[in-house]
Each structure stands twice: as C-alpha cells, then as structure tokens.
Amino acid sequence: MPSCLNMCLEWWCYEILVLLTGRLSNPKRMVAIITIVFNFDYLLFSAMLSLATAASLRVSNELGAGRGMAARAAAYVSISMGSLGGLISAAAMAGARGWWGGVWCSAKTGES
C-alpha cells in the first residue's frame, strides 16, 4: 500500500505541475515543453523501475536462500547499475535536449 501511494503521489505531482505550468506566460509553449520533459522522464523511469524490481527480487531470493554474502553482492551490483543508469540517463537527457523536441513535434504533426 505505501508503495502504491508513493507511485500515485508521484504521478499526481506531475499532473499538478502541468496544470500549474499552464498559468505561466505563453502557456501553450510552457505546457508543451514540460510535457516533452515528462515523457522523456517516463521513458527513463520505466527502465530504472525495471532494474529496481529485478534487484529487489534477486536480493530477496538470495536472502531467502540463506546466502547473505550473495545478497550483499547483488545489492552492490544493483546500486552500481542504478548509479550508472542514472548517469547515462542524465547524459542522454542533456544530450538530447535539442533533438527530442523536434522528434516530438514531428510525431505529433505527422511530419518526417
């Protein structure tokens, strides 16, 4: 239940931010920009959520089998992979800042 509530609050915060962005000057542009950023964020979030789920399952299986050192190693690997994934995601988001908007606009208008 707490995990579900946490996920709901996170998604609701995104929606509230979109609504509040509509109150800024030039609201169409601002909402479009924040929507593009959030879509890119959702793409990265789904990969990190998959990694977290797999790591949780692996660590819990090792602990259930009574292999504490293997669970510790699996936890270290998952933290390392999560950190690496976060750095790669940040670099991808920063690197695609000029490209992603053009892809989004082409997909929405049907242009190539």
N, C-alpha and C. Protein backbone atom coordinates (compact mmCIF):
# COMPACT_ATOMS: atom_id res chain seq x y z
N MET A 1 0.81 -1.20 0.00
CA MET A 1 0.00 0.00 0.00
C MET A 1 0.86 1.27 0.00
N PRO A 2 1.90 1.36 0.85
CA PRO A 2 2.73 2.57 0.80
C PRO A 2 3.40 2.78 -0.56
N SER A 3 3.83 1.69 -1.17
CA SER A 3 4.45 1.81 -2.49
C SER A 3 3.46 2.33 -3.53
N CYS A 4 2.24 1.83 -3.48
CA CYS A 4 1.20 2.29 -4.40
C CYS A 4 0.89 3.76 -4.17
N LEU A 5 0.78 4.15 -2.91
CA LEU A 5 0.51 5.55 -2.59
C LEU A 5 1.65 6.45 -3.06
N ASN A 6 2.88 5.99 -2.86
CA ASN A 6 4.04 6.75 -3.32
C ASN A 6 4.01 6.94 -4.83
N MET A 7 3.68 5.90 -5.56
CA MET A 7 3.62 5.99 -7.02
C MET A 7 2.51 6.93 -7.45
N CYS A 8 1.36 6.84 -6.82
CA CYS A 8 0.24 7.73 -7.16
C CYS A 8 0.59 9.19 -6.89
N LEU A 9 1.21 9.45 -5.75
CA LEU A 9 1.59 10.83 -5.42
C LEU A 9 2.60 11.38 -6.43
N GLU A 10 3.50 10.53 -6.86
CA GLU A 10 4.49 10.97 -7.85
C GLU A 10 3.81 11.35 -9.16
N TRP A 11 2.91 10.51 -9.64
CA TRP A 11 2.22 10.80 -10.89
C TRP A 11 1.31 12.01 -10.74
N TRP A 12 0.67 12.15 -9.60
CA TRP A 12 -0.21 13.30 -9.39
C TRP A 12 0.61 14.59 -9.34
N CYS A 13 1.81 14.53 -8.79
CA CYS A 13 2.67 15.72 -8.79
C CYS A 13 2.99 16.16 -10.21
N TYR A 14 3.25 15.21 -11.09
CA TYR A 14 3.50 15.54 -12.49
C TYR A 14 2.28 16.24 -13.09
N GLU A 15 1.11 15.70 -12.84
CA GLU A 15 -0.10 16.29 -13.40
C GLU A 15 -0.35 17.69 -12.84
N ILE A 16 -0.11 17.88 -11.56
CA ILE A 16 -0.29 19.19 -10.95
C ILE A 16 0.71 20.19 -11.53
N LEU A 17 1.94 19.73 -11.78
CA LEU A 17 2.93 20.62 -12.39
C LEU A 17 2.51 21.06 -13.78
N VAL A 18 1.92 20.14 -14.56
CA VAL A 18 1.44 20.51 -15.89
C VAL A 18 0.33 21.56 -15.77
N LEU A 19 -0.58 21.36 -14.83
CA LEU A 19 -1.66 22.33 -14.64
C LEU A 19 -1.11 23.69 -14.20
N LEU A 20 -0.15 23.70 -13.29
CA LEU A 20 0.43 24.95 -12.83
C LEU A 20 1.24 25.63 -13.93
N THR A 21 1.87 24.85 -14.80
CA THR A 21 2.64 25.41 -15.90
C THR A 21 1.73 26.18 -16.84
N GLY A 22 0.48 25.77 -16.95
CA GLY A 22 -0.48 26.48 -17.79
C GLY A 22 -0.77 27.89 -17.31
N ARG A 23 -0.38 28.21 -16.09
CA ARG A 23 -0.60 29.56 -15.54
C ARG A 23 0.55 30.51 -15.89
N LEU A 24 1.64 30.00 -16.47
CA LEU A 24 2.77 30.85 -16.83
C LEU A 24 2.48 31.65 -18.09
N SER A 25 3.36 32.62 -18.39
CA SER A 25 3.20 33.35 -19.64
C SER A 25 3.47 32.39 -20.81
N ASN A 26 2.76 32.57 -21.90
CA ASN A 26 2.83 31.68 -23.06
C ASN A 26 2.54 30.23 -22.64
N PRO A 27 1.33 29.97 -22.15
CA PRO A 27 1.04 28.66 -21.55
C PRO A 27 1.12 27.49 -22.54
N LYS A 28 0.76 27.70 -23.80
CA LYS A 28 0.84 26.58 -24.75
C LYS A 28 2.27 26.08 -24.90
N ARG A 29 3.20 27.00 -25.02
CA ARG A 29 4.60 26.61 -25.18
C ARG A 29 5.13 25.97 -23.90
N MET A 30 4.81 26.56 -22.76
CA MET A 30 5.32 26.04 -21.49
C MET A 30 4.78 24.64 -21.20
N VAL A 31 3.51 24.41 -21.44
CA VAL A 31 2.94 23.07 -21.22
C VAL A 31 3.56 22.08 -22.20
N ALA A 32 3.79 22.50 -23.44
CA ALA A 32 4.42 21.61 -24.42
C ALA A 32 5.83 21.22 -23.97
N ILE A 33 6.57 22.19 -23.46
CA ILE A 33 7.94 21.91 -23.02
C ILE A 33 7.95 20.96 -21.83
N ILE A 34 7.12 21.21 -20.84
CA ILE A 34 7.12 20.35 -19.66
C ILE A 34 6.59 18.95 -20.00
N THR A 35 5.68 18.87 -20.96
CA THR A 35 5.17 17.57 -21.38
C THR A 35 6.26 16.76 -22.07
N ILE A 36 7.07 17.40 -22.88
CA ILE A 36 8.19 16.71 -23.54
C ILE A 36 9.17 16.20 -22.49
N VAL A 37 9.50 17.04 -21.53
CA VAL A 37 10.44 16.64 -20.47
C VAL A 37 9.88 15.46 -19.67
N PHE A 38 8.59 15.53 -19.33
CA PHE A 38 7.99 14.44 -18.56
C PHE A 38 7.93 13.14 -19.35
N ASN A 39 7.66 13.20 -20.65
CA ASN A 39 7.65 11.99 -21.45
C ASN A 39 9.03 11.35 -21.50
N PHE A 40 10.05 12.16 -21.63
CA PHE A 40 11.41 11.64 -21.60
C PHE A 40 11.71 11.05 -20.24
N ASP A 41 11.25 11.70 -19.18
CA ASP A 41 11.44 11.22 -17.82
C ASP A 41 10.72 9.88 -17.61
N TYR A 42 9.51 9.75 -18.13
CA TYR A 42 8.78 8.49 -18.01
C TYR A 42 9.52 7.36 -18.70
N LEU A 43 10.12 7.66 -19.84
CA LEU A 43 10.88 6.66 -20.58
C LEU A 43 12.05 6.16 -19.74
N LEU A 44 12.76 7.08 -19.12
CA LEU A 44 13.90 6.70 -18.28
C LEU A 44 13.43 6.03 -16.98
N PHE A 45 12.32 6.51 -16.44
CA PHE A 45 11.79 5.96 -15.19
C PHE A 45 11.41 4.49 -15.34
N SER A 46 10.83 4.14 -16.48
CA SER A 46 10.41 2.75 -16.66
C SER A 46 11.60 1.81 -16.67
N ALA A 47 12.72 2.23 -17.24
CA ALA A 47 13.92 1.39 -17.23
C ALA A 47 14.47 1.25 -15.81
N MET A 48 14.49 2.35 -15.07
CA MET A 48 15.01 2.29 -13.70
C MET A 48 14.08 1.49 -12.77
N LEU A 49 12.78 1.58 -13.01
CA LEU A 49 11.83 0.80 -12.20
C LEU A 49 12.01 -0.69 -12.47
N SER A 50 12.27 -1.05 -13.71
CA SER A 50 12.53 -2.45 -14.04
C SER A 50 13.79 -2.95 -13.33
N LEU A 51 14.82 -2.14 -13.34
CA LEU A 51 16.06 -2.50 -12.65
C LEU A 51 15.83 -2.66 -11.15
N ALA A 52 15.07 -1.76 -10.57
CA ALA A 52 14.79 -1.83 -9.13
C ALA A 52 13.99 -3.07 -8.77
N THR A 53 13.03 -3.42 -9.61
CA THR A 53 12.22 -4.61 -9.35
C THR A 53 13.07 -5.87 -9.46
N ALA A 54 13.91 -5.94 -10.48
CA ALA A 54 14.78 -7.11 -10.65
C ALA A 54 15.78 -7.22 -9.50
N ALA A 55 16.33 -6.09 -9.06
CA ALA A 55 17.29 -6.11 -7.96
C ALA A 55 16.62 -6.55 -6.67
N SER A 56 15.43 -6.06 -6.42
CA SER A 56 14.70 -6.44 -5.21
C SER A 56 14.42 -7.94 -5.19
N LEU A 57 14.01 -8.46 -6.33
CA LEU A 57 13.73 -9.89 -6.44
C LEU A 57 14.99 -10.71 -6.22
N ARG A 58 16.10 -10.29 -6.83
CA ARG A 58 17.36 -11.02 -6.71
C ARG A 58 17.86 -11.02 -5.26
N VAL A 59 17.86 -9.87 -4.63
CA VAL A 59 18.34 -9.78 -3.24
C VAL A 59 17.45 -10.59 -2.31
N SER A 60 16.13 -10.50 -2.49
CA SER A 60 15.23 -11.25 -1.62
C SER A 60 15.37 -12.75 -1.83
N ASN A 61 15.61 -13.20 -3.05
CA ASN A 61 15.84 -14.63 -3.29
C ASN A 61 17.11 -15.11 -2.61
N GLU A 62 18.16 -14.30 -2.69
CA GLU A 62 19.42 -14.68 -2.03
C GLU A 62 19.26 -14.72 -0.51
N LEU A 63 18.55 -13.74 0.03
CA LEU A 63 18.31 -13.73 1.48
C LEU A 63 17.45 -14.92 1.90
N GLY A 64 16.44 -15.23 1.09
CA GLY A 64 15.57 -16.37 1.39
C GLY A 64 16.31 -17.69 1.34
N ALA A 65 17.34 -17.77 0.49
CA ALA A 65 18.14 -18.99 0.39
C ALA A 65 19.23 -19.04 1.46
N GLY A 66 19.31 -18.00 2.28
CA GLY A 66 20.30 -18.00 3.35
C GLY A 66 21.70 -17.63 2.90
N ARG A 67 21.81 -16.97 1.77
CA ARG A 67 23.12 -16.56 1.24
C ARG A 67 23.27 -15.05 1.40
N GLY A 68 23.66 -14.64 2.60
CA GLY A 68 23.78 -13.23 2.92
C GLY A 68 24.84 -12.50 2.11
N MET A 69 25.98 -13.15 1.89
CA MET A 69 27.04 -12.50 1.12
C MET A 69 26.64 -12.32 -0.35
N ALA A 70 25.93 -13.28 -0.90
CA ALA A 70 25.45 -13.15 -2.28
C ALA A 70 24.40 -12.05 -2.37
N ALA A 71 23.57 -11.92 -1.34
CA ALA A 71 22.58 -10.84 -1.31
C ALA A 71 23.28 -9.48 -1.25
N ARG A 72 24.34 -9.40 -0.44
CA ARG A 72 25.11 -8.15 -0.34
C ARG A 72 25.75 -7.81 -1.69
N ALA A 73 26.31 -8.82 -2.36
CA ALA A 73 26.93 -8.59 -3.67
C ALA A 73 25.88 -8.16 -4.69
N ALA A 74 24.71 -8.79 -4.66
CA ALA A 74 23.64 -8.41 -5.58
C ALA A 74 23.16 -6.99 -5.30
N ALA A 75 23.12 -6.60 -4.03
CA ALA A 75 22.72 -5.24 -3.69
C ALA A 75 23.75 -4.23 -4.19
N TYR A 76 25.04 -4.55 -4.03
CA TYR A 76 26.08 -3.64 -4.53
C TYR A 76 26.03 -3.51 -6.05
N VAL A 77 25.80 -4.63 -6.72
CA VAL A 77 25.70 -4.59 -8.18
C VAL A 77 24.50 -3.75 -8.60
N SER A 78 23.38 -3.92 -7.93
CA SER A 78 22.19 -3.15 -8.30
C SER A 78 22.37 -1.65 -8.02
N ILE A 79 23.04 -1.30 -6.93
CA ILE A 79 23.33 0.11 -6.65
C ILE A 79 24.27 0.67 -7.70
N SER A 80 25.28 -0.10 -8.06
CA SER A 80 26.22 0.35 -9.10
C SER A 80 25.52 0.53 -10.43
N MET A 81 24.70 -0.44 -10.81
CA MET A 81 23.98 -0.35 -12.09
C MET A 81 22.97 0.79 -12.07
N GLY A 82 22.32 1.01 -10.93
CA GLY A 82 21.39 2.12 -10.82
C GLY A 82 22.10 3.47 -10.95
N SER A 83 23.27 3.57 -10.32
CA SER A 83 24.05 4.81 -10.42
C SER A 83 24.53 5.04 -11.85
N LEU A 84 25.03 3.98 -12.47
CA LEU A 84 25.47 4.09 -13.86
C LEU A 84 24.30 4.44 -14.78
N GLY A 85 23.18 3.78 -14.54
CA GLY A 85 21.98 4.08 -15.34
C GLY A 85 21.52 5.52 -15.15
N GLY A 86 21.61 6.03 -13.93
CA GLY A 86 21.25 7.43 -13.67
C GLY A 86 22.18 8.39 -14.38
N LEU A 87 23.47 8.11 -14.37
CA LEU A 87 24.42 8.98 -15.07
C LEU A 87 24.20 8.94 -16.58
N ILE A 88 23.97 7.75 -17.12
CA ILE A 88 23.71 7.63 -18.55
C ILE A 88 22.41 8.34 -18.92
N SER A 89 21.39 8.19 -18.08
CA SER A 89 20.11 8.85 -18.32
C SER A 89 20.25 10.37 -18.30
N ALA A 90 21.00 10.87 -17.33
CA ALA A 90 21.22 12.32 -17.25
C ALA A 90 21.97 12.82 -18.47
N ALA A 91 22.97 12.07 -18.89
CA ALA A 91 23.72 12.46 -20.09
C ALA A 91 22.83 12.40 -21.34
N ALA A 92 21.98 11.38 -21.41
CA ALA A 92 21.07 11.27 -22.56
C ALA A 92 20.07 12.41 -22.58
N MET A 93 19.55 12.76 -21.41
CA MET A 93 18.58 13.86 -21.35
C MET A 93 19.24 15.18 -21.72
N ALA A 94 20.45 15.42 -21.21
CA ALA A 94 21.16 16.66 -21.54
C ALA A 94 21.59 16.67 -23.00
N GLY A 95 22.02 15.53 -23.50
CA GLY A 95 22.48 15.46 -24.88
C GLY A 95 21.37 15.56 -25.91
N ALA A 96 20.18 15.13 -25.55
CA ALA A 96 19.06 15.13 -26.49
C ALA A 96 18.15 16.33 -26.33
N ARG A 97 18.59 17.33 -25.59
CA ARG A 97 17.71 18.46 -25.28
C ARG A 97 17.28 19.21 -26.53
N GLY A 98 18.09 19.29 -27.55
CA GLY A 98 17.70 19.98 -28.77
C GLY A 98 17.02 19.07 -29.78
N TRP A 99 17.27 17.78 -29.67
CA TRP A 99 16.77 16.82 -30.64
C TRP A 99 15.38 16.29 -30.26
N TRP A 100 15.15 16.06 -28.98
CA TRP A 100 13.93 15.41 -28.52
C TRP A 100 12.68 16.22 -28.86
N GLY A 101 12.72 17.52 -28.73
CA GLY A 101 11.57 18.36 -29.06
C GLY A 101 11.19 18.25 -30.52
N GLY A 102 12.20 18.20 -31.40
CA GLY A 102 11.92 18.06 -32.83
C GLY A 102 11.29 16.72 -33.15
N VAL A 103 11.73 15.67 -32.51
CA VAL A 103 11.12 14.35 -32.72
C VAL A 103 9.67 14.37 -32.23
N TRP A 104 9.44 14.98 -31.09
CA TRP A 104 8.08 15.06 -30.54
C TRP A 104 7.15 15.82 -31.48
N CYS A 105 7.63 16.97 -31.97
CA CYS A 105 6.78 17.78 -32.86
C CYS A 105 6.51 17.06 -34.17
N SER A 106 7.52 16.35 -34.71
CA SER A 106 7.31 15.61 -35.96
C SER A 106 6.30 14.49 -35.76
N ALA A 107 6.36 13.81 -34.63
CA ALA A 107 5.43 12.71 -34.36
C ALA A 107 4.01 13.23 -34.19
N LYS A 108 3.87 14.39 -33.55
CA LYS A 108 2.53 14.93 -33.30
C LYS A 108 1.87 15.49 -34.57
N THR A 109 2.69 16.03 -35.50
CA THR A 109 2.13 16.63 -36.70
C THR A 109 2.13 15.70 -37.89
N GLY A 110 2.84 14.57 -37.76
CA GLY A 110 2.89 13.61 -38.85
C GLY A 110 3.96 13.93 -39.87
N GLU A 111 4.84 14.89 -39.59
CA GLU A 111 5.91 15.25 -40.49
C GLU A 111 7.07 14.30 -40.30
N SER A 112 7.97 14.26 -41.28
CA SER A 112 9.17 13.43 -41.14
C SER A 112 10.43 14.26 -41.19
